[in-house]
């Protein structure tokens, strides 16, 4: 069992780490940022979907309705760059002519800034991060962010089960995806309750239809989000089960860790099945994406842990980087 073995061998490093104190403030939370300029052709459906998703999210979060052009820009940036937009400075949106037919394209031209997005667990194929400020203290924000990502994982496994069913995948893989969605639904419920106890309201992600995704798109997504990110989420849950300050937190994360190890194993089995449906050059692309994700895992872990309250894990950002280096090496072996 690749993921279970990698988690257990990496956890063996924990006794070497001095327990981090919780009184100091974490530093080093600045993720890589960039300036961007986009000039993209979009269908009417793509534009409408971006506006609808942003409007729904704003309604659930209780904030003002979005600016249409800016939200289309944000959605396009997330889709093409896979980073989180932090600001839109200029934006021009041209919709396709209504009489030009469904294949006609409009255009969004915009500029702004973005930041690399760090997450735990499996994001859906077309995931859009929440931009609303949920407020609360550091612990509440961390719990709310985790609840949001667990809820996003529910969508990820539901959409994956539907996609696999359409393509005649083995029934066992489909059923395991559905069971994983139920696990993630339970995790989201637990973490949402904990966040709400601290006065934070957690918005829910919006489902998106992804049945038209190609085998290569799903294979690339699974190789990174499932095999690497979700497997590493299992390790971090196990760390919190060992090191979180409060007994109730340790209990919650112990249960989450068991489930996430199983989800990580599922991702690797899906990886093997998906590769049998790809051309050799496509398999090489999947392997390259997975190697890159493993290589970047230590730095991602360092920055993510730098923004996590010590009471949730008891390790600092440099120790998280060491754990991730060990974990990535075990997964790649």
C-alpha atoms as a PDB file:
ATOM      1  CA  UNK A   1       0.000   0.000   0.000  1.00  0.00           C
ATOM      2  CA  UNK A   2       1.994   2.939  -1.351  1.00  0.00           C
ATOM      3  CA  UNK A   3       0.316   5.825   0.506  1.00  0.00           C
ATOM      4  CA  UNK A   4      -0.008   4.073   3.863  1.00  0.00           C
ATOM      5  CA  UNK A   5       3.672   3.109   3.764  1.00  0.00           C
ATOM      6  CA  UNK A   6       4.726   6.653   2.817  1.00  0.00           C
ATOM      7  CA  UNK A   7       2.614   8.153   5.621  1.00  0.00           C
ATOM      8  CA  UNK A   8       3.954   5.789   8.286  1.00  0.00           C
ATOM      9  CA  UNK A   9       7.599   6.198   7.269  1.00  0.00           C
ATOM     10  CA  UNK A  10       7.245   9.990   7.202  1.00  0.00           C
ATOM     11  CA  UNK A  11       5.536  10.057  10.603  1.00  0.00           C
ATOM     12  CA  UNK A  12       8.644   8.388  12.018  1.00  0.00           C
ATOM     13  CA  UNK A  13      10.323  11.808  11.695  1.00  0.00           C
ATOM     14  CA  UNK A  14       7.935  13.417  14.212  1.00  0.00           C
ATOM     15  CA  UNK A  15       9.848  12.400  17.370  1.00  0.00           C
ATOM     16  CA  UNK A  16      12.858  14.250  15.933  1.00  0.00           C
ATOM     17  CA  UNK A  17      10.916  17.539  15.914  1.00  0.00           C
ATOM     18  CA  UNK A  18      10.646  19.656  19.030  1.00  0.00           C
ATOM     19  CA  UNK A  19       7.018  20.526  19.719  1.00  0.00           C
ATOM     20  CA  UNK A  20       6.328  24.021  18.441  1.00  0.00           C
ATOM     21  CA  UNK A  21       4.955  26.566  20.868  1.00  0.00           C
ATOM     22  CA  UNK A  22       1.634  28.200  20.117  1.00  0.00           C
ATOM     23  CA  UNK A  23       2.248  31.634  21.502  1.00  0.00           C
ATOM     24  CA  UNK A  24       4.250  33.043  18.629  1.00  0.00           C
ATOM     25  CA  UNK A  25       2.879  34.298  15.378  1.00  0.00           C
ATOM     26  CA  UNK A  26       3.592  32.324  12.232  1.00  0.00           C
ATOM     27  CA  UNK A  27       5.507  34.157   9.539  1.00  0.00           C
ATOM     28  CA  UNK A  28       6.417  33.473   5.936  1.00  0.00           C
ATOM     29  CA  UNK A  29       2.843  33.162   4.656  1.00  0.00           C
ATOM     30  CA  UNK A  30       3.458  35.037   1.434  1.00  0.00           C
ATOM     31  CA  UNK A  31       2.878  32.613  -1.428  1.00  0.00           C
ATOM     32  CA  UNK A  32       4.380  33.325  -4.873  1.00  0.00           C
ATOM     33  CA  UNK A  33       2.534  36.130  -6.659  1.00  0.00           C
ATOM     34  CA  UNK A  34       2.475  37.361 -10.226  1.00  0.00           C
ATOM     35  CA  UNK A  35       1.020  39.995 -12.518  1.00  0.00           C
ATOM     36  CA  UNK A  36      -1.104  38.628 -15.324  1.00  0.00           C
ATOM     37  CA  UNK A  37      -2.622  39.747 -18.603  1.00  0.00           C
ATOM     38  CA  UNK A  38      -5.290  37.702 -20.349  1.00  0.00           C
ATOM     39  CA  UNK A  39      -6.822  37.890 -23.787  1.00  0.00           C
ATOM     40  CA  UNK A  40      -9.022  34.818 -24.183  1.00  0.00           C
ATOM     41  CA  UNK A  41     -11.832  33.708 -26.469  1.00  0.00           C
ATOM     42  CA  UNK A  42     -14.852  32.363 -24.561  1.00  0.00           C
ATOM     43  CA  UNK A  43     -18.160  30.792 -25.495  1.00  0.00           C
ATOM     44  CA  UNK A  44     -21.413  32.229 -24.179  1.00  0.00           C
ATOM     45  CA  UNK A  45     -21.752  29.174 -21.923  1.00  0.00           C
ATOM     46  CA  UNK A  46     -18.328  29.767 -20.380  1.00  0.00           C
ATOM     47  CA  UNK A  47     -19.195  33.392 -19.679  1.00  0.00           C
ATOM     48  CA  UNK A  48     -22.614  32.559 -18.234  1.00  0.00           C
ATOM     49  CA  UNK A  49     -21.179  29.798 -16.050  1.00  0.00           C
ATOM     50  CA  UNK A  50     -18.522  32.090 -14.581  1.00  0.00           C
ATOM     51  CA  UNK A  51     -21.091  34.779 -13.785  1.00  0.00           C
ATOM     52  CA  UNK A  52     -23.553  32.285 -12.287  1.00  0.00           C
ATOM     53  CA  UNK A  53     -20.908  30.640 -10.082  1.00  0.00           C
ATOM     54  CA  UNK A  54     -19.721  34.010  -8.783  1.00  0.00           C
ATOM     55  CA  UNK A  55     -23.288  35.198  -8.160  1.00  0.00           C
ATOM     56  CA  UNK A  56     -24.173  32.005  -6.276  1.00  0.00           C
ATOM     57  CA  UNK A  57     -21.010  32.192  -4.169  1.00  0.00           C
ATOM     58  CA  UNK A  58     -21.648  35.864  -3.344  1.00  0.00           C
ATOM     59  CA  UNK A  59     -25.217  35.076  -2.316  1.00  0.00           C
ATOM     60  CA  UNK A  60     -24.127  32.229  -0.045  1.00  0.00           C
ATOM     61  CA  UNK A  61     -21.382  34.339   1.508  1.00  0.00           C
ATOM     62  CA  UNK A  62     -23.741  37.301   2.006  1.00  0.00           C
ATOM     63  CA  UNK A  63     -21.634  39.760   0.014  1.00  0.00           C
ATOM     64  CA  UNK A  64     -22.471  42.205  -2.806  1.00  0.00           C
ATOM     65  CA  UNK A  65     -23.208  40.880  -6.312  1.00  0.00           C
ATOM     66  CA  UNK A  66     -20.059  40.525  -8.446  1.00  0.00           C
ATOM     67  CA  UNK A  67     -18.859  42.630 -11.354  1.00  0.00           C
ATOM     68  CA  UNK A  68     -19.558  40.482 -14.428  1.00  0.00           C
ATOM     69  CA  UNK A  69     -16.390  41.286 -16.359  1.00  0.00           C
ATOM     70  CA  UNK A  70     -14.121  40.867 -13.351  1.00  0.00           C
ATOM     71  CA  UNK A  71     -15.644  37.515 -12.425  1.00  0.00           C
ATOM     72  CA  UNK A  72     -15.225  36.201 -15.971  1.00  0.00           C
ATOM     73  CA  UNK A  73     -11.599  37.362 -15.786  1.00  0.00           C
ATOM     74  CA  UNK A  74     -11.101  35.615 -12.438  1.00  0.00           C
ATOM     75  CA  UNK A  75     -12.677  32.380 -13.659  1.00  0.00           C
ATOM     76  CA  UNK A  76     -10.565  32.409 -16.837  1.00  0.00           C
ATOM     77  CA  UNK A  77      -7.373  33.028 -14.855  1.00  0.00           C
ATOM     78  CA  UNK A  78      -8.167  30.165 -12.469  1.00  0.00           C
ATOM     79  CA  UNK A  79      -8.887  27.846 -15.397  1.00  0.00           C
ATOM     80  CA  UNK A  80      -5.829  28.701 -17.476  1.00  0.00           C
ATOM     81  CA  UNK A  81      -3.222  29.349 -14.760  1.00  0.00           C
ATOM     82  CA  UNK A  82      -4.652  27.266 -11.888  1.00  0.00           C
ATOM     83  CA  UNK A  83      -3.681  30.057  -9.446  1.00  0.00           C
ATOM     84  CA  UNK A  84      -5.973  32.242  -7.354  1.00  0.00           C
ATOM     85  CA  UNK A  85      -6.689  35.776  -8.625  1.00  0.00           C
ATOM     86  CA  UNK A  86      -6.187  38.419  -5.955  1.00  0.00           C
ATOM     87  CA  UNK A  87      -7.159  41.501  -7.936  1.00  0.00           C
ATOM     88  CA  UNK A  88      -8.408  42.639 -11.335  1.00  0.00           C
ATOM     89  CA  UNK A  89      -7.171  46.059 -12.455  1.00  0.00           C
ATOM     90  CA  UNK A  90      -8.569  46.369 -15.968  1.00  0.00           C
ATOM     91  CA  UNK A  91     -11.224  44.357 -17.732  1.00  0.00           C
ATOM     92  CA  UNK A  92     -13.132  44.376 -21.015  1.00  0.00           C
ATOM     93  CA  UNK A  93     -15.735  41.730 -21.802  1.00  0.00           C
ATOM     94  CA  UNK A  94     -17.309  41.238 -25.214  1.00  0.00           C
ATOM     95  CA  UNK A  95     -20.099  38.704 -25.465  1.00  0.00           C
ATOM     96  CA  UNK A  96     -20.671  36.736 -28.700  1.00  0.00           C
ATOM     97  CA  UNK A  97     -23.441  37.947 -30.955  1.00  0.00           C
ATOM     98  CA  UNK A  98     -26.713  36.202 -30.068  1.00  0.00           C
ATOM     99  CA  UNK A  99     -27.438  35.497 -33.732  1.00  0.00           C
ATOM    100  CA  UNK A 100     -24.019  34.003 -34.432  1.00  0.00           C
ATOM    101  CA  UNK A 101     -24.827  30.494 -33.125  1.00  0.00           C
ATOM    102  CA  UNK A 102     -23.579  28.369 -30.214  1.00  0.00           C
ATOM    103  CA  UNK A 103     -20.038  28.058 -31.585  1.00  0.00           C
ATOM    104  CA  UNK A 104     -19.461  31.829 -31.629  1.00  0.00           C
ATOM    105  CA  UNK A 105     -16.951  33.310 -29.224  1.00  0.00           C
ATOM    106  CA  UNK A 106     -16.743  36.411 -27.112  1.00  0.00           C
ATOM    107  CA  UNK A 107     -13.578  37.760 -25.558  1.00  0.00           C
ATOM    108  CA  UNK A 108     -12.266  38.791 -22.165  1.00  0.00           C
ATOM    109  CA  UNK A 109      -9.193  41.025 -22.009  1.00  0.00           C
ATOM    110  CA  UNK A 110      -8.008  41.834 -18.515  1.00  0.00           C
ATOM    111  CA  UNK A 111      -5.024  42.319 -16.241  1.00  0.00           C
ATOM    112  CA  UNK A 112      -4.452  41.886 -12.541  1.00  0.00           C
ATOM    113  CA  UNK A 113      -2.541  39.880  -9.949  1.00  0.00           C
ATOM    114  CA  UNK A 114      -2.637  36.313  -8.693  1.00  0.00           C
ATOM    115  CA  UNK A 115      -1.189  34.079  -6.033  1.00  0.00           C
ATOM    116  CA  UNK A 116      -0.289  30.400  -6.048  1.00  0.00           C
ATOM    117  CA  UNK A 117      -3.024  28.397  -4.397  1.00  0.00           C
ATOM    118  CA  UNK A 118      -2.127  25.904  -1.685  1.00  0.00           C
ATOM    119  CA  UNK A 119      -4.656  23.327  -0.653  1.00  0.00           C
ATOM    120  CA  UNK A 120      -5.127  19.999   1.028  1.00  0.00           C
ATOM    121  CA  UNK A 121      -7.074  17.190  -0.535  1.00  0.00           C
ATOM    122  CA  UNK A 122      -8.533  16.737  -3.988  1.00  0.00           C
ATOM    123  CA  UNK A 123     -10.020  19.766  -5.746  1.00  0.00           C
ATOM    124  CA  UNK A 124     -12.666  19.191  -8.434  1.00  0.00           C
ATOM    125  CA  UNK A 125     -11.507  19.391 -12.032  1.00  0.00           C
ATOM    126  CA  UNK A 126     -13.049  22.855 -12.469  1.00  0.00           C
ATOM    127  CA  UNK A 127     -12.620  24.035  -8.871  1.00  0.00           C
ATOM    128  CA  UNK A 128     -13.047  27.719  -8.100  1.00  0.00           C
ATOM    129  CA  UNK A 129     -11.639  28.885  -4.783  1.00  0.00           C
ATOM    130  CA  UNK A 130     -13.769  30.918  -2.382  1.00  0.00           C
ATOM    131  CA  UNK A 131     -12.792  34.586  -2.378  1.00  0.00           C
ATOM    132  CA  UNK A 132     -15.052  35.745   0.470  1.00  0.00           C
ATOM    133  CA  UNK A 133     -13.423  36.868   3.732  1.00  0.00           C
ATOM    134  CA  UNK A 134     -14.863  34.469   6.282  1.00  0.00           C
ATOM    135  CA  UNK A 135     -13.472  36.416   9.259  1.00  0.00           C
ATOM    136  CA  UNK A 136     -12.714  34.881  12.662  1.00  0.00           C
ATOM    137  CA  UNK A 137      -9.406  34.139  14.362  1.00  0.00           C
ATOM    138  CA  UNK A 138      -6.579  32.080  12.859  1.00  0.00           C
ATOM    139  CA  UNK A 139      -7.964  28.774  14.133  1.00  0.00           C
ATOM    140  CA  UNK A 140     -11.475  29.540  12.858  1.00  0.00           C
ATOM    141  CA  UNK A 141     -10.171  30.550   9.426  1.00  0.00           C
ATOM    142  CA  UNK A 142      -8.068  27.397   9.152  1.00  0.00           C
ATOM    143  CA  UNK A 143     -10.953  25.150  10.125  1.00  0.00           C
ATOM    144  CA  UNK A 144     -13.279  26.975   7.718  1.00  0.00           C
ATOM    145  CA  UNK A 145     -10.784  26.679   4.857  1.00  0.00           C
ATOM    146  CA  UNK A 146     -10.420  22.959   5.545  1.00  0.00           C
ATOM    147  CA  UNK A 147     -14.201  22.553   5.650  1.00  0.00           C
ATOM    148  CA  UNK A 148     -14.478  24.334   2.291  1.00  0.00           C
ATOM    149  CA  UNK A 149     -11.873  22.052   0.734  1.00  0.00           C
ATOM    150  CA  UNK A 150     -13.477  18.923   2.172  1.00  0.00           C
ATOM    151  CA  UNK A 151     -16.783  20.029   0.640  1.00  0.00           C
ATOM    152  CA  UNK A 152     -14.977  20.614  -2.661  1.00  0.00           C
ATOM    153  CA  UNK A 153     -13.620  17.062  -2.415  1.00  0.00           C
ATOM    154  CA  UNK A 154     -17.188  15.776  -2.192  1.00  0.00           C
ATOM    155  CA  UNK A 155     -17.846  17.359  -5.591  1.00  0.00           C
ATOM    156  CA  UNK A 156     -14.548  16.010  -6.903  1.00  0.00           C
ATOM    157  CA  UNK A 157     -15.408  12.416  -6.098  1.00  0.00           C
ATOM    158  CA  UNK A 158     -19.029  12.742  -7.230  1.00  0.00           C
ATOM    159  CA  UNK A 159     -17.957  14.145 -10.599  1.00  0.00           C
ATOM    160  CA  UNK A 160     -15.232  11.490 -10.917  1.00  0.00           C
ATOM    161  CA  UNK A 161     -17.711   8.671 -10.220  1.00  0.00           C
ATOM    162  CA  UNK A 162     -20.071  10.054 -12.880  1.00  0.00           C
ATOM    163  CA  UNK A 163     -17.234  10.441 -15.394  1.00  0.00           C
ATOM    164  CA  UNK A 164     -15.963   6.900 -14.782  1.00  0.00           C
ATOM    165  CA  UNK A 165     -19.465   5.449 -15.118  1.00  0.00           C
ATOM    166  CA  UNK A 166     -19.960   7.033 -18.544  1.00  0.00           C
ATOM    167  CA  UNK A 167     -16.626   5.600 -19.716  1.00  0.00           C
ATOM    168  CA  UNK A 168     -17.231   2.041 -18.537  1.00  0.00           C
ATOM    169  CA  UNK A 169     -14.661   1.983 -15.749  1.00  0.00           C
ATOM    170  CA  UNK A 170     -14.578  -1.002 -13.376  1.00  0.00           C
ATOM    171  CA  UNK A 171     -17.563  -0.901 -11.016  1.00  0.00           C
ATOM    172  CA  UNK A 172     -15.228  -1.202  -8.021  1.00  0.00           C
ATOM    173  CA  UNK A 173     -13.487   2.091  -8.858  1.00  0.00           C
ATOM    174  CA  UNK A 174     -16.817   3.861  -9.316  1.00  0.00           C
ATOM    175  CA  UNK A 175     -18.157   2.591  -5.994  1.00  0.00           C
ATOM    176  CA  UNK A 176     -14.961   3.571  -4.182  1.00  0.00           C
ATOM    177  CA  UNK A 177     -15.260   7.100  -5.558  1.00  0.00           C
ATOM    178  CA  UNK A 178     -18.829   7.285  -4.283  1.00  0.00           C
ATOM    179  CA  UNK A 179     -17.752   5.969  -0.884  1.00  0.00           C
ATOM    180  CA  UNK A 180     -14.952   8.571  -0.816  1.00  0.00           C
ATOM    181  CA  UNK A 181     -17.514  11.309  -1.508  1.00  0.00           C
ATOM    182  CA  UNK A 182     -19.444  10.164   1.562  1.00  0.00           C
ATOM    183  CA  UNK A 183     -16.235  10.250   3.626  1.00  0.00           C
ATOM    184  CA  UNK A 184     -15.506  13.803   2.471  1.00  0.00           C
ATOM    185  CA  UNK A 185     -19.094  14.842   3.202  1.00  0.00           C
ATOM    186  CA  UNK A 186     -18.616  13.639   6.773  1.00  0.00           C
ATOM    187  CA  UNK A 187     -15.283  15.490   7.065  1.00  0.00           C
ATOM    188  CA  UNK A 188     -16.874  18.687   5.773  1.00  0.00           C
ATOM    189  CA  UNK A 189     -19.690  18.364   8.296  1.00  0.00           C
ATOM    190  CA  UNK A 190     -17.275  17.897  11.204  1.00  0.00           C
ATOM    191  CA  UNK A 191     -14.994  20.773  10.239  1.00  0.00           C
ATOM    192  CA  UNK A 192     -17.881  23.092   9.414  1.00  0.00           C
ATOM    193  CA  UNK A 193     -19.304  22.455  12.883  1.00  0.00           C
ATOM    194  CA  UNK A 194     -15.945  23.228  14.499  1.00  0.00           C
ATOM    195  CA  UNK A 195     -15.551  26.428  12.451  1.00  0.00           C
ATOM    196  CA  UNK A 196     -19.092  27.575  13.209  1.00  0.00           C
ATOM    197  CA  UNK A 197     -18.478  27.023  16.909  1.00  0.00           C
ATOM    198  CA  UNK A 198     -15.821  29.731  16.562  1.00  0.00           C
ATOM    199  CA  UNK A 199     -18.226  32.115  14.841  1.00  0.00           C
ATOM    200  CA  UNK A 200     -17.321  31.513  11.189  1.00  0.00           C
ATOM    201  CA  UNK A 201     -19.900  30.773   8.499  1.00  0.00           C
ATOM    202  CA  UNK A 202     -18.531  28.407   5.850  1.00  0.00           C
ATOM    203  CA  UNK A 203     -19.854  28.874   2.282  1.00  0.00           C
ATOM    204  CA  UNK A 204     -20.237  25.795   0.109  1.00  0.00           C
ATOM    205  CA  UNK A 205     -18.593  25.270  -3.299  1.00  0.00           C
ATOM    206  CA  UNK A 206     -20.733  25.191  -6.425  1.00  0.00           C
ATOM    207  CA  UNK A 207     -20.934  21.949  -8.446  1.00  0.00           C
ATOM    208  CA  UNK A 208     -19.842  22.057 -12.077  1.00  0.00           C
ATOM    209  CA  UNK A 209     -20.498  19.660 -14.929  1.00  0.00           C
ATOM    210  CA  UNK A 210     -17.279  17.989 -16.122  1.00  0.00           C
ATOM    211  CA  UNK A 211     -18.532  14.914 -17.978  1.00  0.00           C
ATOM    212  CA  UNK A 212     -17.033  16.246 -21.205  1.00  0.00           C
ATOM    213  CA  UNK A 213     -13.474  16.197 -19.840  1.00  0.00           C
ATOM    214  CA  UNK A 214     -11.049  14.076 -21.860  1.00  0.00           C
ATOM    215  CA  UNK A 215      -9.212  11.059 -20.483  1.00  0.00           C
ATOM    216  CA  UNK A 216      -5.978  13.061 -20.573  1.00  0.00           C
ATOM    217  CA  UNK A 217      -7.510  15.938 -18.591  1.00  0.00           C
ATOM    218  CA  UNK A 218      -8.796  13.594 -15.908  1.00  0.00           C
ATOM    219  CA  UNK A 219      -5.520  11.646 -15.817  1.00  0.00           C
ATOM    220  CA  UNK A 220      -3.476  14.845 -15.382  1.00  0.00           C
ATOM    221  CA  UNK A 221      -5.853  16.085 -12.690  1.00  0.00           C
ATOM    222  CA  UNK A 222      -5.809  12.794 -10.782  1.00  0.00           C
ATOM    223  CA  UNK A 223      -2.020  12.477 -11.024  1.00  0.00           C
ATOM    224  CA  UNK A 224      -1.587  15.816  -9.222  1.00  0.00           C
ATOM    225  CA  UNK A 225      -4.706  16.408  -7.110  1.00  0.00           C
ATOM    226  CA  UNK A 226      -5.208  12.768  -6.135  1.00  0.00           C
ATOM    227  CA  UNK A 227      -1.873  10.963  -6.171  1.00  0.00           C
ATOM    228  CA  UNK A 228       0.143  13.867  -4.739  1.00  0.00           C
ATOM    229  CA  UNK A 229      -2.062  16.440  -2.987  1.00  0.00           C
ATOM    230  CA  UNK A 230      -4.650  14.117  -1.502  1.00  0.00           C
ATOM    231  CA  UNK A 231      -2.014  11.604  -0.448  1.00  0.00           C
ATOM    232  CA  UNK A 232      -0.114  14.398   1.296  1.00  0.00           C
ATOM    233  CA  UNK A 233      -3.346  15.559   2.949  1.00  0.00           C
ATOM    234  CA  UNK A 234      -3.486  12.116   4.561  1.00  0.00           C
ATOM    235  CA  UNK A 235      -0.049  12.687   6.059  1.00  0.00           C
ATOM    236  CA  UNK A 236      -0.927  16.146   7.400  1.00  0.00           C
ATOM    237  CA  UNK A 237      -4.140  14.797   8.938  1.00  0.00           C
ATOM    238  CA  UNK A 238      -2.065  12.097  10.626  1.00  0.00           C
ATOM    239  CA  UNK A 239       0.349  14.755  11.932  1.00  0.00           C
ATOM    240  CA  UNK A 240      -2.557  16.708  13.414  1.00  0.00           C
ATOM    241  CA  UNK A 241      -3.934  13.520  14.934  1.00  0.00           C
ATOM    242  CA  UNK A 242      -0.585  13.170  16.718  1.00  0.00           C
ATOM    243  CA  UNK A 243       0.240  16.794  17.493  1.00  0.00           C
ATOM    244  CA  UNK A 244      -2.899  18.945  17.726  1.00  0.00           C
ATOM    245  CA  UNK A 245      -3.259  20.557  21.145  1.00  0.00           C
ATOM    246  CA  UNK A 246      -6.884  19.682  21.871  1.00  0.00           C
ATOM    247  CA  UNK A 247      -8.039  16.045  22.292  1.00  0.00           C
ATOM    248  CA  UNK A 248     -11.179  16.678  20.216  1.00  0.00           C
ATOM    249  CA  UNK A 249      -9.053  17.944  17.331  1.00  0.00           C
ATOM    250  CA  UNK A 250      -6.798  14.888  17.532  1.00  0.00           C
ATOM    251  CA  UNK A 251      -9.832  12.627  17.435  1.00  0.00           C
ATOM    252  CA  UNK A 252     -11.334  14.354  14.376  1.00  0.00           C
ATOM    253  CA  UNK A 253      -8.081  14.304  12.420  1.00  0.00           C
ATOM    254  CA  UNK A 254      -7.354  10.682  13.334  1.00  0.00           C
ATOM    255  CA  UNK A 255     -10.597   9.691  11.611  1.00  0.00           C
ATOM    256  CA  UNK A 256      -9.874  11.967   8.644  1.00  0.00           C
ATOM    257  CA  UNK A 257      -6.361  10.527   8.249  1.00  0.00           C
ATOM    258  CA  UNK A 258      -7.661   6.956   7.980  1.00  0.00           C
ATOM    259  CA  UNK A 259     -10.082   7.967   5.234  1.00  0.00           C
ATOM    260  CA  UNK A 260      -7.575  10.123   3.349  1.00  0.00           C
ATOM    261  CA  UNK A 261      -5.022   7.309   3.231  1.00  0.00           C
ATOM    262  CA  UNK A 262      -7.679   5.181   1.575  1.00  0.00           C
ATOM    263  CA  UNK A 263      -8.478   8.013  -0.864  1.00  0.00           C
ATOM    264  CA  UNK A 264      -4.815   8.378  -1.732  1.00  0.00           C
ATOM    265  CA  UNK A 265      -4.556   4.677  -2.503  1.00  0.00           C
ATOM    266  CA  UNK A 266      -7.641   5.009  -4.713  1.00  0.00           C
ATOM    267  CA  UNK A 267      -5.977   7.852  -6.626  1.00  0.00           C
ATOM    268  CA  UNK A 268      -2.968   5.684  -7.458  1.00  0.00           C
ATOM    269  CA  UNK A 269      -5.201   2.838  -8.640  1.00  0.00           C
ATOM    270  CA  UNK A 270      -7.151   5.291 -10.796  1.00  0.00           C
ATOM    271  CA  UNK A 271      -3.818   6.536 -12.136  1.00  0.00           C
ATOM    272  CA  UNK A 272      -2.917   3.027 -13.273  1.00  0.00           C
ATOM    273  CA  UNK A 273      -6.302   2.480 -14.959  1.00  0.00           C
ATOM    274  CA  UNK A 274      -6.343   5.866 -16.683  1.00  0.00           C
ATOM    275  CA  UNK A 275      -2.877   5.343 -18.141  1.00  0.00           C
ATOM    276  CA  UNK A 276      -4.100   2.244 -19.979  1.00  0.00           C
ATOM    277  CA  UNK A 277      -6.476   4.580 -21.879  1.00  0.00           C
ATOM    278  CA  UNK A 278      -3.739   6.990 -23.003  1.00  0.00           C
ATOM    279  CA  UNK A 279      -1.272   7.150 -25.855  1.00  0.00           C
ATOM    280  CA  UNK A 280       2.435   6.784 -24.886  1.00  0.00           C
ATOM    281  CA  UNK A 281       3.090  10.507 -25.373  1.00  0.00           C
ATOM    282  CA  UNK A 282       0.109  11.313 -23.153  1.00  0.00           C
ATOM    283  CA  UNK A 283       1.391   8.964 -20.440  1.00  0.00           C
ATOM    284  CA  UNK A 284       4.671  10.876 -20.544  1.00  0.00           C
ATOM    285  CA  UNK A 285       2.758  14.134 -19.927  1.00  0.00           C
ATOM    286  CA  UNK A 286       1.007  12.597 -16.935  1.00  0.00           C
ATOM    287  CA  UNK A 287       4.284  11.302 -15.526  1.00  0.00           C
ATOM    288  CA  UNK A 288       5.928  14.702 -15.983  1.00  0.00           C
ATOM    289  CA  UNK A 289       3.050  16.500 -14.225  1.00  0.00           C
ATOM    290  CA  UNK A 290       3.218  14.064 -11.334  1.00  0.00           C
ATOM    291  CA  UNK A 291       7.010  14.427 -10.999  1.00  0.00           C
ATOM    292  CA  UNK A 292       6.663  18.204 -10.983  1.00  0.00           C
ATOM    293  CA  UNK A 293       3.961  18.072  -8.295  1.00  0.00           C
ATOM    294  CA  UNK A 294       6.149  15.812  -6.132  1.00  0.00           C
ATOM    295  CA  UNK A 295       9.151  18.093  -6.615  1.00  0.00           C
ATOM    296  CA  UNK A 296       7.130  21.153  -5.579  1.00  0.00           C
ATOM    297  CA  UNK A 297       5.489  19.450  -2.604  1.00  0.00           C
ATOM    298  CA  UNK A 298       8.094  20.446   0.037  1.00  0.00           C
ATOM    299  CA  UNK A 299       7.836  24.153  -0.785  1.00  0.00           C
ATOM    300  CA  UNK A 300       4.043  23.996  -0.979  1.00  0.00           C
ATOM    301  CA  UNK A 301       3.975  22.269   2.406  1.00  0.00           C
ATOM    302  CA  UNK A 302       6.312  24.844   3.933  1.00  0.00           C
ATOM    303  CA  UNK A 303       4.200  27.772   2.841  1.00  0.00           C
ATOM    304  CA  UNK A 304       0.915  26.120   3.752  1.00  0.00           C
ATOM    305  CA  UNK A 305       2.113  25.199   7.247  1.00  0.00           C
ATOM    306  CA  UNK A 306       3.455  28.721   7.745  1.00  0.00           C
ATOM    307  CA  UNK A 307      -0.147  29.920   7.634  1.00  0.00           C
ATOM    308  CA  UNK A 308      -1.516  27.186   9.893  1.00  0.00           C
ATOM    309  CA  UNK A 309      -1.956  27.788  13.650  1.00  0.00           C
ATOM    310  CA  UNK A 310       0.587  25.742  15.591  1.00  0.00           C
ATOM    311  CA  UNK A 311      -2.249  24.431  17.779  1.00  0.00           C
ATOM    312  CA  UNK A 312      -3.428  22.426  14.764  1.00  0.00           C
ATOM    313  CA  UNK A 313      -0.197  20.594  14.137  1.00  0.00           C
ATOM    314  CA  UNK A 314       2.656  21.349  16.488  1.00  0.00           C
ATOM    315  CA  UNK A 315       5.251  21.550  13.696  1.00  0.00           C
ATOM    316  CA  UNK A 316       6.655  24.597  11.986  1.00  0.00           C
ATOM    317  CA  UNK A 317       6.925  25.347   8.291  1.00  0.00           C
ATOM    318  CA  UNK A 318      10.486  24.038   7.931  1.00  0.00           C
ATOM    319  CA  UNK A 319       9.536  20.772   9.603  1.00  0.00           C
ATOM    320  CA  UNK A 320       6.572  20.485   7.255  1.00  0.00           C
ATOM    321  CA  UNK A 321       9.026  20.860   4.386  1.00  0.00           C
ATOM    322  CA  UNK A 322      11.154  18.023   5.763  1.00  0.00           C
ATOM    323  CA  UNK A 323       8.103  15.796   6.117  1.00  0.00           C
ATOM    324  CA  UNK A 324       7.019  16.573   2.571  1.00  0.00           C
ATOM    325  CA  UNK A 325      10.504  15.808   1.199  1.00  0.00           C
ATOM    326  CA  UNK A 326      10.497  12.419   2.901  1.00  0.00           C
ATOM    327  CA  UNK A 327       6.919  11.748   1.809  1.00  0.00           C
ATOM    328  CA  UNK A 328       7.554  12.695  -1.836  1.00  0.00           C
ATOM    329  CA  UNK A 329      10.598  10.417  -1.956  1.00  0.00           C
ATOM    330  CA  UNK A 330       8.573   7.501  -0.549  1.00  0.00           C
ATOM    331  CA  UNK A 331       5.744   8.040  -3.042  1.00  0.00           C
ATOM    332  CA  UNK A 332       8.153   8.223  -5.961  1.00  0.00           C
ATOM    333  CA  UNK A 333      10.045   5.083  -4.927  1.00  0.00           C
END
